[in-house]
Amino acid sequence: MVDAFEIDSKAKLVEIKLIKDILDTTKTLVFIDHDSKTIFLWRGKKATIFEKLIGTRVAAKLSHKYPKYRIRPIAEGEEPAAFKSLIKSIG
C-alpha cells in the first residue's frame, strides 16, 4: 500500500490521488510505501527551494510516526529502480 502527498505552501501534507502521471517537476512529493517501509521524498527540478526544504522537514516528522521506515530523498532524474518500480505500479 502506498500513500502519496504533496507539500503545500503552508508546509502541510496534502493527500493526492495515485495517478499514472503523478510526478510534476514543479512539486515536492512524499510517497509512503508501507510494503517496503520506505518514505520517498521526491523533489522535482522546478520545485522551489522552500518546498524542497519543507519536504525534508516533513519527511523527518513522518519518521517519528513511522520509526521503522527509512527516508529516501530523490532528485528528479536520479530516481532509483525501487522508486521507478513503485511509480510504474501506479495507475
Protein backbone atom coordinates (compact mmCIF):
# COMPACT_ATOMS: atom_id res chain seq x y z
CA MET A 1 0.00 0.00 0.00
CA VAL A 2 1.24 3.47 -0.92
CA ASP A 3 0.13 6.86 0.36
CA ALA A 4 1.01 9.93 -1.71
CA PHE A 5 1.20 13.54 -0.56
CA GLU A 6 2.13 16.94 -1.93
CA ILE A 7 3.79 19.60 0.22
CA ASP A 8 1.63 22.74 0.07
CA SER A 9 2.68 26.37 0.55
CA LYS A 10 1.84 26.17 4.27
CA ALA A 11 4.20 23.22 4.82
CA LYS A 12 1.32 20.77 5.15
CA LEU A 13 0.97 17.34 3.62
CA VAL A 14 -1.97 17.22 1.24
CA GLU A 15 -3.02 13.72 0.22
CA ILE A 16 -3.14 13.25 -3.54
CA LYS A 17 -4.59 10.52 -5.72
CA LEU A 18 -2.27 7.93 -7.15
CA ILE A 19 -2.47 8.51 -10.89
CA LYS A 20 -0.25 7.44 -13.75
CA ASP A 21 1.43 10.82 -14.36
CA ILE A 22 1.76 11.77 -10.68
CA LEU A 23 5.25 13.25 -10.90
CA ASP A 24 5.22 17.00 -11.56
CA THR A 25 8.55 18.78 -12.00
CA THR A 26 7.26 21.82 -10.07
CA LYS A 27 6.37 19.87 -6.91
CA THR A 28 7.87 18.10 -3.94
CA LEU A 29 6.04 14.85 -3.26
CA VAL A 30 6.11 12.29 -0.46
CA PHE A 31 5.32 8.63 -1.04
CA ILE A 32 4.95 6.30 1.92
CA ASP A 33 5.45 2.73 0.75
CA HIS A 34 4.16 0.59 3.60
CA ASP A 35 5.27 -2.66 1.95
CA SER A 36 8.95 -1.71 1.81
CA LYS A 37 8.72 0.57 4.88
CA THR A 38 10.16 3.47 2.91
CA ILE A 39 9.32 7.16 2.82
CA PHE A 40 10.31 8.51 -0.59
CA LEU A 41 10.83 12.27 -0.73
CA TRP A 42 10.77 13.18 -4.42
CA ARG A 43 11.88 16.68 -5.40
CA GLY A 44 11.00 17.99 -8.83
CA LYS A 45 13.66 20.01 -10.68
CA LYS A 46 11.46 23.11 -10.76
CA ALA A 47 10.15 22.84 -7.19
CA THR A 48 11.01 25.87 -5.10
CA ILE A 49 13.86 25.76 -2.60
CA PHE A 50 11.24 26.36 0.11
CA GLU A 51 9.23 23.29 -0.94
CA LYS A 52 12.36 21.14 -1.02
CA LEU A 53 13.42 22.32 2.43
CA ILE A 54 9.96 21.85 3.90
CA GLY A 55 9.79 18.42 2.28
CA THR A 56 12.88 17.41 4.21
CA ARG A 57 11.37 18.64 7.47
CA VAL A 58 8.05 16.91 6.80
CA ALA A 59 9.79 13.64 5.98
CA ALA A 60 11.75 13.91 9.23
CA LYS A 61 8.48 14.37 11.15
CA LEU A 62 6.99 11.35 9.39
CA SER A 63 9.92 9.28 10.62
CA HIS A 64 8.58 9.85 14.15
CA LYS A 65 5.20 8.44 13.11
CA TYR A 66 6.86 5.57 11.25
CA PRO A 67 10.07 4.87 13.21
CA LYS A 68 10.88 1.66 11.33
CA TYR A 69 10.65 3.32 7.91
CA ARG A 70 13.67 4.75 6.17
CA ILE A 71 13.67 8.04 4.31
CA ARG A 72 14.92 8.11 0.72
CA PRO A 73 15.37 11.62 -0.70
CA ILE A 74 15.21 11.58 -4.50
CA ALA A 75 16.05 14.31 -7.00
CA GLU A 76 14.12 14.31 -10.27
CA GLY A 77 16.15 12.47 -12.89
CA GLU A 78 18.03 10.41 -10.29
CA GLU A 79 15.23 8.01 -9.34
CA PRO A 80 16.44 4.61 -8.10
CA ALA A 81 15.00 1.38 -9.53
CA ALA A 82 12.81 0.76 -6.45
CA PHE A 83 11.14 4.15 -6.87
CA LYS A 84 10.68 3.72 -10.63
CA SER A 85 9.04 0.38 -9.97
CA LEU A 86 6.71 1.94 -7.42
CA ILE A 87 5.68 4.69 -9.85
CA LYS A 88 5.14 2.20 -12.71
CA SER A 89 2.77 0.21 -10.49
CA ILE A 90 0.51 3.27 -10.09
CA GLY A 91 -2.46 3.66 -12.32
